[in-house]
Amino acid sequence: MTLKIKRAYDLPDAFDGARILVDRLWPRGLSKEQAHIDFWAKELSPSDDLRRWYAHDPKKWPEFNRRYFAELDANRPGVAELLSFLENGPATLIFSSKELHLNNAVALKTYLEKLK
């Protein structure tokens, strides 16, 4: 599984493979044509409660991961659907946060790589 991460506002390129939006909300100011999203994994994004609790506080990152992974564990059908989609070739997890290193796409990539 070749999996990359990219911000929604960065231009798509030929190396992205399938572009999978992993946010619960559509990125502000970005049209569907601009985004070039192949699959929206909305149900695999962190819950609203978890997102609000985390609020991109770096001190909460380890606990965010623990709670988010628990949510993913509870959503086996959604995870299985995404894993099946990823079998088709390289893919890029697309996120909209300004935080480039401590966001749900990074956490989801870590989770998925542990499953493989």
PDB file of N, CA and C in Angstrom:
ATOM      1  N   MET A   1       0.852  -1.172   0.000  1.00  0.00           N
ATOM      2  CA  MET A   1       0.000   0.000   0.000  1.00  0.00           C
ATOM      3  C   MET A   1       0.899   1.236   0.000  1.00  0.00           C
ATOM      4  N   THR A   2       0.813   2.004  -1.071  1.00  0.00           N
ATOM      5  CA  THR A   2       1.536   3.262  -1.160  1.00  0.00           C
ATOM      6  C   THR A   2       0.564   4.371  -0.792  1.00  0.00           C
ATOM      7  N   LEU A   3       0.829   5.029   0.328  1.00  0.00           N
ATOM      8  CA  LEU A   3      -0.086   6.016   0.867  1.00  0.00           C
ATOM      9  C   LEU A   3       0.668   7.288   1.199  1.00  0.00           C
ATOM     10  N   LYS A   4       0.174   8.405   0.668  1.00  0.00           N
ATOM     11  CA  LYS A   4       0.759   9.709   0.954  1.00  0.00           C
ATOM     12  C   LYS A   4      -0.297  10.590   1.610  1.00  0.00           C
ATOM     13  N   ILE A   5       0.156  11.748   2.053  1.00  0.00           N
ATOM     14  CA  ILE A   5      -0.729  12.728   2.682  1.00  0.00           C
ATOM     15  C   ILE A   5      -0.502  14.067   1.990  1.00  0.00           C
ATOM     16  N   LYS A   6      -1.613  14.793   1.783  1.00  0.00           N
ATOM     17  CA  LYS A   6      -1.493  16.080   1.097  1.00  0.00           C
ATOM     18  C   LYS A   6      -2.634  16.989   1.539  1.00  0.00           C
ATOM     19  N   ARG A   7      -2.338  18.252   1.622  1.00  0.00           N
ATOM     20  CA  ARG A   7      -3.344  19.239   1.985  1.00  0.00           C
ATOM     21  C   ARG A   7      -4.285  19.459   0.799  1.00  0.00           C
ATOM     22  N   ALA A   8      -5.559  19.635   1.077  1.00  0.00           N
ATOM     23  CA  ALA A   8      -6.575  19.800   0.036  1.00  0.00           C
ATOM     24  C   ALA A   8      -6.287  20.999  -0.860  1.00  0.00           C
ATOM     25  N   TYR A   9      -5.629  22.012  -0.327  1.00  0.00           N
ATOM     26  CA  TYR A   9      -5.397  23.243  -1.076  1.00  0.00           C
ATOM     27  C   TYR A   9      -4.128  23.185  -1.931  1.00  0.00           C
ATOM     28  N   ASP A  10      -3.354  22.092  -1.802  1.00  0.00           N
ATOM     29  CA  ASP A  10      -2.203  21.889  -2.683  1.00  0.00           C
ATOM     30  C   ASP A  10      -2.712  21.344  -4.009  1.00  0.00           C
ATOM     31  N   LEU A  11      -2.062  21.723  -5.075  1.00  0.00           N
ATOM     32  CA  LEU A  11      -2.503  21.279  -6.393  1.00  0.00           C
ATOM     33  C   LEU A  11      -2.367  19.771  -6.559  1.00  0.00           C
ATOM     34  N   PRO A  12      -3.365  19.141  -7.160  1.00  0.00           N
ATOM     35  CA  PRO A  12      -3.255  17.713  -7.464  1.00  0.00           C
ATOM     36  C   PRO A  12      -2.148  17.480  -8.485  1.00  0.00           C
ATOM     37  N   ASP A  13      -1.534  16.308  -8.442  1.00  0.00           N
ATOM     38  CA  ASP A  13      -0.553  15.965  -9.462  1.00  0.00           C
ATOM     39  C   ASP A  13      -0.674  14.482  -9.809  1.00  0.00           C
ATOM     40  N   ALA A  14       0.045  14.081 -10.826  1.00  0.00           N
ATOM     41  CA  ALA A  14      -0.051  12.716 -11.347  1.00  0.00           C
ATOM     42  C   ALA A  14       0.428  11.673 -10.340  1.00  0.00           C
ATOM     43  N   PHE A  15       1.203  12.064  -9.355  1.00  0.00           N
ATOM     44  CA  PHE A  15       1.747  11.121  -8.380  1.00  0.00           C
ATOM     45  C   PHE A  15       0.805  10.873  -7.201  1.00  0.00           C
ATOM     46  N   ASP A  16      -0.312  11.584  -7.148  1.00  0.00           N
ATOM     47  CA  ASP A  16      -1.255  11.426  -6.041  1.00  0.00           C
ATOM     48  C   ASP A  16      -1.943  10.068  -6.040  1.00  0.00           C
ATOM     49  N   GLY A  17      -2.166   9.494  -7.187  1.00  0.00           N
ATOM     50  CA  GLY A  17      -2.988   8.298  -7.261  1.00  0.00           C
ATOM     51  C   GLY A  17      -4.414   8.671  -6.908  1.00  0.00           C
ATOM     52  N   ALA A  18      -5.134   7.768  -6.271  1.00  0.00           N
ATOM     53  CA  ALA A  18      -6.494   8.075  -5.832  1.00  0.00           C
ATOM     54  C   ALA A  18      -6.433   9.116  -4.714  1.00  0.00           C
ATOM     55  N   ARG A  19      -7.284  10.108  -4.818  1.00  0.00           N
ATOM     56  CA  ARG A  19      -7.315  11.185  -3.815  1.00  0.00           C
ATOM     57  C   ARG A  19      -8.514  10.948  -2.898  1.00  0.00           C
ATOM     58  N   ILE A  20      -8.210  10.742  -1.603  1.00  0.00           N
ATOM     59  CA  ILE A  20      -9.236  10.364  -0.629  1.00  0.00           C
ATOM     60  C   ILE A  20      -9.345  11.467   0.422  1.00  0.00           C
ATOM     61  N   LEU A  21     -10.474  12.153   0.432  1.00  0.00           N
ATOM     62  CA  LEU A  21     -10.716  13.189   1.432  1.00  0.00           C
ATOM     63  C   LEU A  21     -11.059  12.520   2.747  1.00  0.00           C
ATOM     64  N   VAL A  22     -10.325  12.867   3.812  1.00  0.00           N
ATOM     65  CA  VAL A  22     -10.521  12.211   5.107  1.00  0.00           C
ATOM     66  C   VAL A  22     -11.041  13.179   6.175  1.00  0.00           C
ATOM     67  N   ASP A  23     -11.657  14.262   5.757  1.00  0.00           N
ATOM     68  CA  ASP A  23     -12.258  15.226   6.680  1.00  0.00           C
ATOM     69  C   ASP A  23     -13.772  15.044   6.705  1.00  0.00           C
ATOM     70  N   ARG A  24     -14.377  15.353   7.834  1.00  0.00           N
ATOM     71  CA  ARG A  24     -15.829  15.270   7.970  1.00  0.00           C
ATOM     72  C   ARG A  24     -16.510  16.393   7.191  1.00  0.00           C
ATOM     73  N   LEU A  25     -15.848  17.542   7.110  1.00  0.00           N
ATOM     74  CA  LEU A  25     -16.407  18.702   6.414  1.00  0.00           C
ATOM     75  C   LEU A  25     -15.645  18.943   5.113  1.00  0.00           C
ATOM     76  N   TRP A  26     -16.368  19.408   4.099  1.00  0.00           N
ATOM     77  CA  TRP A  26     -15.723  19.724   2.830  1.00  0.00           C
ATOM     78  C   TRP A  26     -14.808  20.941   3.037  1.00  0.00           C
ATOM     79  N   PRO A  27     -13.614  20.955   2.437  1.00  0.00           N
ATOM     80  CA  PRO A  27     -12.684  22.091   2.595  1.00  0.00           C
ATOM     81  C   PRO A  27     -13.296  23.402   2.101  1.00  0.00           C
ATOM     82  N   ARG A  28     -13.202  24.418   2.924  1.00  0.00           N
ATOM     83  CA  ARG A  28     -13.771  25.727   2.602  1.00  0.00           C
ATOM     84  C   ARG A  28     -13.157  26.313   1.334  1.00  0.00           C
ATOM     85  N   GLY A  29     -14.029  26.862   0.495  1.00  0.00           N
ATOM     86  CA  GLY A  29     -13.582  27.590  -0.678  1.00  0.00           C
ATOM     87  C   GLY A  29     -13.025  26.719  -1.791  1.00  0.00           C
ATOM     88  N   LEU A  30     -13.164  25.416  -1.685  1.00  0.00           N
ATOM     89  CA  LEU A  30     -12.610  24.508  -2.677  1.00  0.00           C
ATOM     90  C   LEU A  30     -13.757  23.799  -3.399  1.00  0.00           C
ATOM     91  N   SER A  31     -13.794  23.963  -4.711  1.00  0.00           N
ATOM     92  CA  SER A  31     -14.855  23.304  -5.476  1.00  0.00           C
ATOM     93  C   SER A  31     -14.506  21.833  -5.676  1.00  0.00           C
ATOM     94  N   LYS A  32     -15.503  21.058  -6.013  1.00  0.00           N
ATOM     95  CA  LYS A  32     -15.268  19.636  -6.273  1.00  0.00           C
ATOM     96  C   LYS A  32     -14.358  19.452  -7.483  1.00  0.00           C
ATOM     97  N   GLU A  33     -14.464  20.337  -8.451  1.00  0.00           N
ATOM     98  CA  GLU A  33     -13.602  20.260  -9.634  1.00  0.00           C
ATOM     99  C   GLU A  33     -12.141  20.541  -9.267  1.00  0.00           C
ATOM    100  N   GLN A  34     -11.917  21.496  -8.387  1.00  0.00           N
ATOM    101  CA  GLN A  34     -10.552  21.833  -7.958  1.00  0.00           C
ATOM    102  C   GLN A  34      -9.945  20.726  -7.095  1.00  0.00           C
ATOM    103  N   ALA A  35     -10.771  20.080  -6.293  1.00  0.00           N
ATOM    104  CA  ALA A  35     -10.279  19.110  -5.323  1.00  0.00           C
ATOM    105  C   ALA A  35      -9.871  17.779  -5.954  1.00  0.00           C
ATOM    106  N   HIS A  36     -10.535  17.387  -7.023  1.00  0.00           N
ATOM    107  CA  HIS A  36     -10.243  16.105  -7.688  1.00  0.00           C
ATOM    108  C   HIS A  36     -10.279  14.941  -6.698  1.00  0.00           C
ATOM    109  N   ILE A  37     -11.344  14.866  -5.909  1.00  0.00           N
ATOM    110  CA  ILE A  37     -11.495  13.813  -4.907  1.00  0.00           C
ATOM    111  C   ILE A  37     -12.131  12.580  -5.549  1.00  0.00           C
ATOM    112  N   ASP A  38     -11.500  11.424  -5.337  1.00  0.00           N
ATOM    113  CA  ASP A  38     -12.021  10.168  -5.876  1.00  0.00           C
ATOM    114  C   ASP A  38     -12.921   9.446  -4.876  1.00  0.00           C
ATOM    115  N   PHE A  39     -12.690   9.690  -3.598  1.00  0.00           N
ATOM    116  CA  PHE A  39     -13.448   8.994  -2.554  1.00  0.00           C
ATOM    117  C   PHE A  39     -13.449   9.883  -1.318  1.00  0.00           C
ATOM    118  N   TRP A  40     -14.628  10.093  -0.742  1.00  0.00           N
ATOM    119  CA  TRP A  40     -14.740  10.905   0.472  1.00  0.00           C
ATOM    120  C   TRP A  40     -15.026   9.952   1.626  1.00  0.00           C
ATOM    121  N   ALA A  41     -14.033   9.748   2.460  1.00  0.00           N
ATOM    122  CA  ALA A  41     -14.153   8.843   3.607  1.00  0.00           C
ATOM    123  C   ALA A  41     -14.641   9.605   4.832  1.00  0.00           C
ATOM    124  N   LYS A  42     -15.754  10.262   4.675  1.00  0.00           N
ATOM    125  CA  LYS A  42     -16.316  11.122   5.732  1.00  0.00           C
ATOM    126  C   LYS A  42     -16.535  10.346   7.032  1.00  0.00           C
ATOM    127  N   GLU A  43     -17.025   9.103   6.909  1.00  0.00           N
ATOM    128  CA  GLU A  43     -17.351   8.317   8.103  1.00  0.00           C
ATOM    129  C   GLU A  43     -16.109   7.847   8.856  1.00  0.00           C
ATOM    130  N   LEU A  44     -14.935   8.001   8.253  1.00  0.00           N
ATOM    131  CA  LEU A  44     -13.688   7.621   8.924  1.00  0.00           C
ATOM    132  C   LEU A  44     -12.967   8.817   9.542  1.00  0.00           C
ATOM    133  N   SER A  45     -13.545   9.983   9.413  1.00  0.00           N
ATOM    134  CA  SER A  45     -12.931  11.154  10.040  1.00  0.00           C
ATOM    135  C   SER A  45     -13.263  11.147  11.531  1.00  0.00           C
ATOM    136  N   PRO A  46     -12.499  11.876  12.330  1.00  0.00           N
ATOM    137  CA  PRO A  46     -12.793  11.921  13.771  1.00  0.00           C
ATOM    138  C   PRO A  46     -14.198  12.469  14.022  1.00  0.00           C
ATOM    139  N   SER A  47     -14.833  11.991  15.055  1.00  0.00           N
ATOM    140  CA  SER A  47     -16.158  12.499  15.423  1.00  0.00           C
ATOM    141  C   SER A  47     -16.074  13.988  15.732  1.00  0.00           C
ATOM    142  N   ASP A  48     -17.213  14.648  15.645  1.00  0.00           N
ATOM    143  CA  ASP A  48     -17.243  16.084  15.962  1.00  0.00           C
ATOM    144  C   ASP A  48     -16.771  16.338  17.388  1.00  0.00           C
ATOM    145  N   ASP A  49     -17.199  15.487  18.318  1.00  0.00           N
ATOM    146  CA  ASP A  49     -16.779  15.657  19.718  1.00  0.00           C
ATOM    147  C   ASP A  49     -15.266  15.541  19.854  1.00  0.00           C
ATOM    148  N   LEU A  50     -14.672  14.558  19.196  1.00  0.00           N
ATOM    149  CA  LEU A  50     -13.222  14.373  19.276  1.00  0.00           C
ATOM    150  C   LEU A  50     -12.488  15.534  18.620  1.00  0.00           C
ATOM    151  N   ARG A  51     -12.989  15.955  17.482  1.00  0.00           N
ATOM    152  CA  ARG A  51     -12.371  17.079  16.772  1.00  0.00           C
ATOM    153  C   ARG A  51     -12.371  18.342  17.637  1.00  0.00           C
ATOM    154  N   ARG A  52     -13.514  18.608  18.249  1.00  0.00           N
ATOM    155  CA  ARG A  52     -13.613  19.814  19.102  1.00  0.00           C
ATOM    156  C   ARG A  52     -12.717  19.681  20.332  1.00  0.00           C
ATOM    157  N   TRP A  53     -12.681  18.498  20.933  1.00  0.00           N
ATOM    158  CA  TRP A  53     -11.850  18.285  22.120  1.00  0.00           C
ATOM    159  C   TRP A  53     -10.378  18.501  21.776  1.00  0.00           C
ATOM    160  N   TYR A  54      -9.930  17.951  20.671  1.00  0.00           N
ATOM    161  CA  TYR A  54      -8.516  18.040  20.290  1.00  0.00           C
ATOM    162  C   TYR A  54      -8.110  19.477  19.972  1.00  0.00           C
ATOM    163  N   ALA A  55      -8.875  20.147  19.139  1.00  0.00           N
ATOM    164  CA  ALA A  55      -8.644  21.559  18.790  1.00  0.00           C
ATOM    165  C   ALA A  55      -7.190  21.838  18.390  1.00  0.00           C
ATOM    166  N   HIS A  56      -6.526  20.858  17.793  1.00  0.00           N
ATOM    167  CA  HIS A  56      -5.138  20.973  17.316  1.00  0.00           C
ATOM    168  C   HIS A  56      -4.161  21.404  18.410  1.00  0.00           C
ATOM    169  N   ASP A  57      -4.411  20.924  19.622  1.00  0.00           N
ATOM    170  CA  ASP A  57      -3.518  21.176  20.748  1.00  0.00           C
ATOM    171  C   ASP A  57      -2.439  20.083  20.750  1.00  0.00           C
ATOM    172  N   PRO A  58      -1.192  20.431  20.445  1.00  0.00           N
ATOM    173  CA  PRO A  58      -0.129  19.419  20.352  1.00  0.00           C
ATOM    174  C   PRO A  58       0.015  18.555  21.600  1.00  0.00           C
ATOM    175  N   LYS A  59      -0.309  19.093  22.768  1.00  0.00           N
ATOM    176  CA  LYS A  59      -0.197  18.321  24.008  1.00  0.00           C
ATOM    177  C   LYS A  59      -1.212  17.174  24.039  1.00  0.00           C
ATOM    178  N   LYS A  60      -2.298  17.314  23.288  1.00  0.00           N
ATOM    179  CA  LYS A  60      -3.342  16.296  23.268  1.00  0.00           C
ATOM    180  C   LYS A  60      -3.136  15.250  22.171  1.00  0.00           C
ATOM    181  N   TRP A  61      -2.080  15.389  21.350  1.00  0.00           N
ATOM    182  CA  TRP A  61      -1.882  14.502  20.203  1.00  0.00           C
ATOM    183  C   TRP A  61      -1.876  13.014  20.571  1.00  0.00           C
ATOM    184  N   PRO A  62      -1.113  12.566  21.572  1.00  0.00           N
ATOM    185  CA  PRO A  62      -1.135  11.125  21.899  1.00  0.00           C
ATOM    186  C   PRO A  62      -2.532  10.630  22.292  1.00  0.00           C
ATOM    187  N   GLU A  63      -3.240  11.403  23.080  1.00  0.00           N
ATOM    188  CA  GLU A  63      -4.584  11.000  23.494  1.00  0.00           C
ATOM    189  C   GLU A  63      -5.557  11.083  22.320  1.00  0.00           C
ATOM    190  N   PHE A  64      -5.381  12.077  21.451  1.00  0.00           N
ATOM    191  CA  PHE A  64      -6.200  12.160  20.237  1.00  0.00           C
ATOM    192  C   PHE A  64      -6.053  10.876  19.426  1.00  0.00           C
ATOM    193  N   ASN A  65      -4.813  10.434  19.219  1.00  0.00           N
ATOM    194  CA  ASN A  65      -4.574   9.209  18.464  1.00  0.00           C
ATOM    195  C   ASN A  65      -5.263   8.015  19.119  1.00  0.00           C
ATOM    196  N   ARG A  66      -5.122   7.878  20.425  1.00  0.00           N
ATOM    197  CA  ARG A  66      -5.735   6.755  21.128  1.00  0.00           C
ATOM    198  C   ARG A  66      -7.255   6.760  20.919  1.00  0.00           C
ATOM    199  N   ARG A  67      -7.878   7.923  21.094  1.00  0.00           N
ATOM    200  CA  ARG A  67      -9.335   8.020  20.952  1.00  0.00           C
ATOM    201  C   ARG A  67      -9.772   7.827  19.498  1.00  0.00           C
ATOM    202  N   TYR A  68      -9.019   8.407  18.574  1.00  0.00           N
ATOM    203  CA  TYR A  68      -9.355   8.278  17.155  1.00  0.00           C
ATOM    204  C   TYR A  68      -9.213   6.827  16.698  1.00  0.00           C
ATOM    205  N   PHE A  69      -8.152   6.169  17.125  1.00  0.00           N
ATOM    206  CA  PHE A  69      -7.968   4.761  16.765  1.00  0.00           C
ATOM    207  C   PHE A  69      -9.109   3.908  17.321  1.00  0.00           C
ATOM    208  N   ALA A  70      -9.600   4.245  18.511  1.00  0.00           N
ATOM    209  CA  ALA A  70     -10.742   3.522  19.090  1.00  0.00           C
ATOM    210  C   ALA A  70     -11.989   3.732  18.225  1.00  0.00           C
ATOM    211  N   GLU A  71     -12.178   4.948  17.741  1.00  0.00           N
ATOM    212  CA  GLU A  71     -13.306   5.208  16.837  1.00  0.00           C
ATOM    213  C   GLU A  71     -13.164   4.394  15.550  1.00  0.00           C
ATOM    214  N   LEU A  72     -11.958   4.338  15.015  1.00  0.00           N
ATOM    215  CA  LEU A  72     -11.723   3.560  13.802  1.00  0.00           C
ATOM    216  C   LEU A  72     -11.937   2.072  14.052  1.00  0.00           C
ATOM    217  N   ASP A  73     -11.481   1.571  15.195  1.00  0.00           N
ATOM    218  CA  ASP A  73     -11.696   0.163  15.546  1.00  0.00           C
ATOM    219  C   ASP A  73     -13.188  -0.169  15.600  1.00  0.00           C
ATOM    220  N   ALA A  74     -13.990   0.795  16.025  1.00  0.00           N
ATOM    221  CA  ALA A  74     -15.433   0.594  16.135  1.00  0.00           C
ATOM    222  C   ALA A  74     -16.132   0.698  14.776  1.00  0.00           C
ATOM    223  N   ASN A  75     -15.410   1.140  13.760  1.00  0.00           N
ATOM    224  CA  ASN A  75     -15.996   1.307  12.428  1.00  0.00           C
ATOM    225  C   ASN A  75     -15.314   0.366  11.438  1.00  0.00           C
ATOM    226  N   ARG A  76     -15.302  -0.911  11.754  1.00  0.00           N
ATOM    227  CA  ARG A  76     -14.644  -1.905  10.892  1.00  0.00           C
ATOM    228  C   ARG A  76     -15.167  -1.905   9.453  1.00  0.00           C
ATOM    229  N   PRO A  77     -16.488  -1.773   9.223  1.00  0.00           N
ATOM    230  CA  PRO A  77     -16.951  -1.768   7.828  1.00  0.00           C
ATOM    231  C   PRO A  77     -16.374  -0.595   7.026  1.00  0.00           C
ATOM    232  N   GLY A  78     -16.320   0.571   7.627  1.00  0.00           N
ATOM    233  CA  GLY A  78     -15.756   1.739   6.938  1.00  0.00           C
ATOM    234  C   GLY A  78     -14.275   1.571   6.658  1.00  0.00           C
ATOM    235  N   VAL A  79     -13.543   1.027   7.630  1.00  0.00           N
ATOM    236  CA  VAL A  79     -12.109   0.776   7.452  1.00  0.00           C
ATOM    237  C   VAL A  79     -11.894  -0.269   6.358  1.00  0.00           C
ATOM    238  N   ALA A  80     -12.710  -1.309   6.364  1.00  0.00           N
ATOM    239  CA  ALA A  80     -12.596  -2.353   5.342  1.00  0.00           C
ATOM    240  C   ALA A  80     -12.865  -1.794   3.948  1.00  0.00           C
ATOM    241  N   GLU A  81     -13.854  -0.915   3.846  1.00  0.00           N
ATOM    242  CA  GLU A  81     -14.157  -0.285   2.552  1.00  0.00           C
ATOM    243  C   GLU A  81     -12.972   0.539   2.061  1.00  0.00           C
ATOM    244  N   LEU A  82     -12.367   1.307   2.953  1.00  0.00           N
ATOM    245  CA  LEU A  82     -11.208   2.111   2.570  1.00  0.00           C
ATOM    246  C   LEU A  82     -10.036   1.217   2.181  1.00  0.00           C
ATOM    247  N   LEU A  83      -9.771   0.185   2.952  1.00  0.00           N
ATOM    248  CA  LEU A  83      -8.672  -0.730   2.620  1.00  0.00           C
ATOM    249  C   LEU A  83      -8.889  -1.383   1.261  1.00  0.00           C
ATOM    250  N   SER A  84     -10.110  -1.722   0.965  1.00  0.00           N
ATOM    251  CA  SER A  84     -10.430  -2.307  -0.338  1.00  0.00           C
ATOM    252  C   SER A  84     -10.152  -1.298  -1.449  1.00  0.00           C
ATOM    253  N   PHE A  85     -10.522  -0.058  -1.231  1.00  0.00           N
ATOM    254  CA  PHE A  85     -10.280   1.010  -2.202  1.00  0.00           C
ATOM    255  C   PHE A  85      -8.776   1.195  -2.407  1.00  0.00           C
ATOM    256  N   LEU A  86      -7.999   1.078  -1.326  1.00  0.00           N
ATOM    257  CA  LEU A  86      -6.555   1.291  -1.403  1.00  0.00           C
ATOM    258  C   LEU A  86      -5.828   0.178  -2.146  1.00  0.00           C
ATOM    259  N   GLU A  87      -6.466  -0.967  -2.317  1.00  0.00           N
ATOM    260  CA  GLU A  87      -5.845  -2.075  -3.039  1.00  0.00           C
ATOM    261  C   GLU A  87      -5.685  -1.785  -4.530  1.00  0.00           C
ATOM    262  N   ASN A  88      -6.347  -0.745  -5.019  1.00  0.00           N
ATOM    263  CA  ASN A  88      -6.309  -0.421  -6.442  1.00  0.00           C
ATOM    264  C   ASN A  88      -5.048   0.317  -6.869  1.00  0.00           C
ATOM    265  N   GLY A  89      -4.192   0.667  -5.934  1.00  0.00           N
ATOM    266  CA  GLY A  89      -2.954   1.356  -6.299  1.00  0.00           C
ATOM    267  C   GLY A  89      -2.626   2.479  -5.343  1.00  0.00           C
ATOM    268  N   PRO A  90      -1.667   3.324  -5.723  1.00  0.00           N
ATOM    269  CA  PRO A  90      -1.250   4.407  -4.838  1.00  0.00           C
ATOM    270  C   PRO A  90      -2.408   5.357  -4.528  1.00  0.00           C
ATOM    271  N   ALA A  91      -2.339   5.963  -3.347  1.00  0.00           N
ATOM    272  CA  ALA A  91      -3.399   6.878  -2.932  1.00  0.00           C
ATOM    273  C   ALA A  91      -2.817   7.980  -2.055  1.00  0.00           C
ATOM    274  N   THR A  92      -3.560   9.065  -1.974  1.00  0.00           N
ATOM    275  CA  THR A  92      -3.180  10.197  -1.137  1.00  0.00           C
ATOM    276  C   THR A  92      -4.353  10.556  -0.243  1.00  0.00           C
ATOM    277  N   LEU A  93      -4.103  10.626   1.060  1.00  0.00           N
ATOM    278  CA  LEU A  93      -5.104  11.082   2.011  1.00  0.00           C
ATOM    279  C   LEU A  93      -5.103  12.600   1.989  1.00  0.00           C
ATOM    280  N   ILE A  94      -6.258  13.180   1.737  1.00  0.00           N
ATOM    281  CA  ILE A  94      -6.391  14.624   1.581  1.00  0.00           C
ATOM    282  C   ILE A  94      -7.045  15.199   2.835  1.00  0.00           C
ATOM    283  N   PHE A  95      -6.453  16.264   3.371  1.00  0.00           N
ATOM    284  CA  PHE A  95      -6.974  16.924   4.571  1.00  0.00           C
ATOM    285  C   PHE A  95      -6.951  18.434   4.356  1.00  0.00           C
ATOM    286  N   SER A  96      -7.685  19.174   5.167  1.00  0.00           N
ATOM    287  CA  SER A  96      -7.742  20.626   4.977  1.00  0.00           C
ATOM    288  C   SER A  96      -7.098  21.432   6.101  1.00  0.00           C
ATOM    289  N   SER A  97      -6.711  20.801   7.166  1.00  0.00           N
ATOM    290  CA  SER A  97      -6.128  21.512   8.303  1.00  0.00           C
ATOM    291  C   SER A  97      -4.866  22.290   7.918  1.00  0.00           C
ATOM    292  N   LYS A  98      -4.657  23.415   8.581  1.00  0.00           N
ATOM    293  CA  LYS A  98      -3.407  24.167   8.401  1.00  0.00           C
ATOM    294  C   LYS A  98      -2.256  23.469   9.108  1.00  0.00           C
ATOM    295  N   GLU A  99      -2.592  22.636  10.092  1.00  0.00           N
ATOM    296  CA  GLU A  99      -1.584  21.865  10.829  1.00  0.00           C
ATOM    297  C   GLU A  99      -1.141  20.696   9.947  1.00  0.00           C
ATOM    298  N   LEU A 100       0.117  20.705   9.561  1.00  0.00           N
ATOM    299  CA  LEU A 100       0.602  19.729   8.593  1.00  0.00           C
ATOM    300  C   LEU A 100       1.055  18.402   9.193  1.00  0.00           C
ATOM    301  N   HIS A 101       1.371  18.375  10.474  1.00  0.00           N
ATOM    302  CA  HIS A 101       1.983  17.176  11.053  1.00  0.00           C
ATOM    303  C   HIS A 101       1.135  16.486  12.112  1.00  0.00           C
ATOM    304  N   LEU A 102       0.256  17.203  12.769  1.00  0.00           N
ATOM    305  CA  LEU A 102      -0.572  16.628  13.834  1.00  0.00           C
ATOM    306  C   LEU A 102      -2.038  16.776  13.448  1.00  0.00           C
ATOM    307  N   ASN A 103      -2.456  16.000  12.461  1.00  0.00           N
ATOM    308  CA  ASN A 103      -3.834  16.082  11.986  1.00  0.00           C
ATOM    309  C   ASN A 103      -4.395  14.675  11.760  1.00  0.00           C
ATOM    310  N   ASN A 104      -5.676  14.600  11.479  1.00  0.00           N
ATOM    311  CA  ASN A 104      -6.327  13.301  11.351  1.00  0.00           C
ATOM    312  C   ASN A 104      -5.807  12.478  10.179  1.00  0.00           C
ATOM    313  N   ALA A 105      -5.323  13.095   9.112  1.00  0.00           N
ATOM    314  CA  ALA A 105      -4.775  12.329   7.982  1.00  0.00           C
ATOM    315  C   ALA A 105      -3.495  11.608   8.396  1.00  0.00           C
ATOM    316  N   VAL A 106      -2.658  12.270   9.167  1.00  0.00           N
ATOM    317  CA  VAL A 106      -1.428  11.644   9.670  1.00  0.00           C
ATOM    318  C   VAL A 106      -1.793  10.470  10.575  1.00  0.00           C
ATOM    319  N   ALA A 107      -2.760  10.698  11.462  1.00  0.00           N
ATOM    320  CA  ALA A 107      -3.184   9.631  12.375  1.00  0.00           C
ATOM    321  C   ALA A 107      -3.796   8.464  11.606  1.00  0.00           C
ATOM    322  N   LEU A 108      -4.636   8.757  10.618  1.00  0.00           N
ATOM    323  CA  LEU A 108      -5.262   7.692   9.840  1.00  0.00           C
ATOM    324  C   LEU A 108      -4.224   6.901   9.050  1.00  0.00           C
ATOM    325  N   LYS A 109      -3.245   7.567   8.496  1.00  0.00           N
ATOM    326  CA  LYS A 109      -2.176   6.875   7.762  1.00  0.00           C
ATOM    327  C   LYS A 109      -1.439   5.914   8.704  1.00  0.00           C
ATOM    328  N   THR A 110      -1.118   6.369   9.898  1.00  0.00           N
ATOM    329  CA  THR A 110      -0.461   5.524  10.899  1.00  0.00           C
ATOM    330  C   THR A 110      -1.317   4.311  11.217  1.00  0.00           C
ATOM    331  N   TYR A 111      -2.598   4.531  11.426  1.00  0.00           N
ATOM    332  CA  TYR A 111      -3.536   3.450  11.744  1.00  0.00           C
ATOM    333  C   TYR A 111      -3.578   2.425  10.616  1.00  0.00           C
ATOM    334  N   LEU A 112      -3.719   2.891   9.385  1.00  0.00           N
ATOM    335  CA  LEU A 112      -3.834   1.987   8.243  1.00  0.00           C
ATOM    336  C   LEU A 112      -2.547   1.198   8.016  1.00  0.00           C
ATOM    337  N   GLU A 113      -1.418   1.849   8.215  1.00  0.00           N
ATOM    338  CA  GLU A 113      -0.136   1.158   8.017  1.00  0.00           C
ATOM    339  C   GLU A 113       0.084   0.081   9.072  1.00  0.00           C
ATOM    340  N   LYS A 114      -0.463   0.250  10.253  1.00  0.00           N
ATOM    341  CA  LYS A 114      -0.361  -0.776  11.298  1.00  0.00           C
ATOM    342  C   LYS A 114      -1.230  -1.990  10.962  1.00  0.00           C
ATOM    343  N   LEU A 115      -2.289  -1.771  10.185  1.00  0.00           N
ATOM    344  CA  LEU A 115      -3.174  -2.872   9.809  1.00  0.00           C
ATOM    345  C   LEU A 115      -2.564  -3.751   8.726  1.00  0.00           C
ATOM    346  N   LYS A 116      -1.703  -3.182   7.914  1.00  0.00           N
ATOM    347  CA  LYS A 116      -1.115  -3.936   6.787  1.00  0.00           C
ATOM    348  C   LYS A 116       0.136  -4.656   7.184  1.00  0.00           C
TER     349      LYS A 116
END
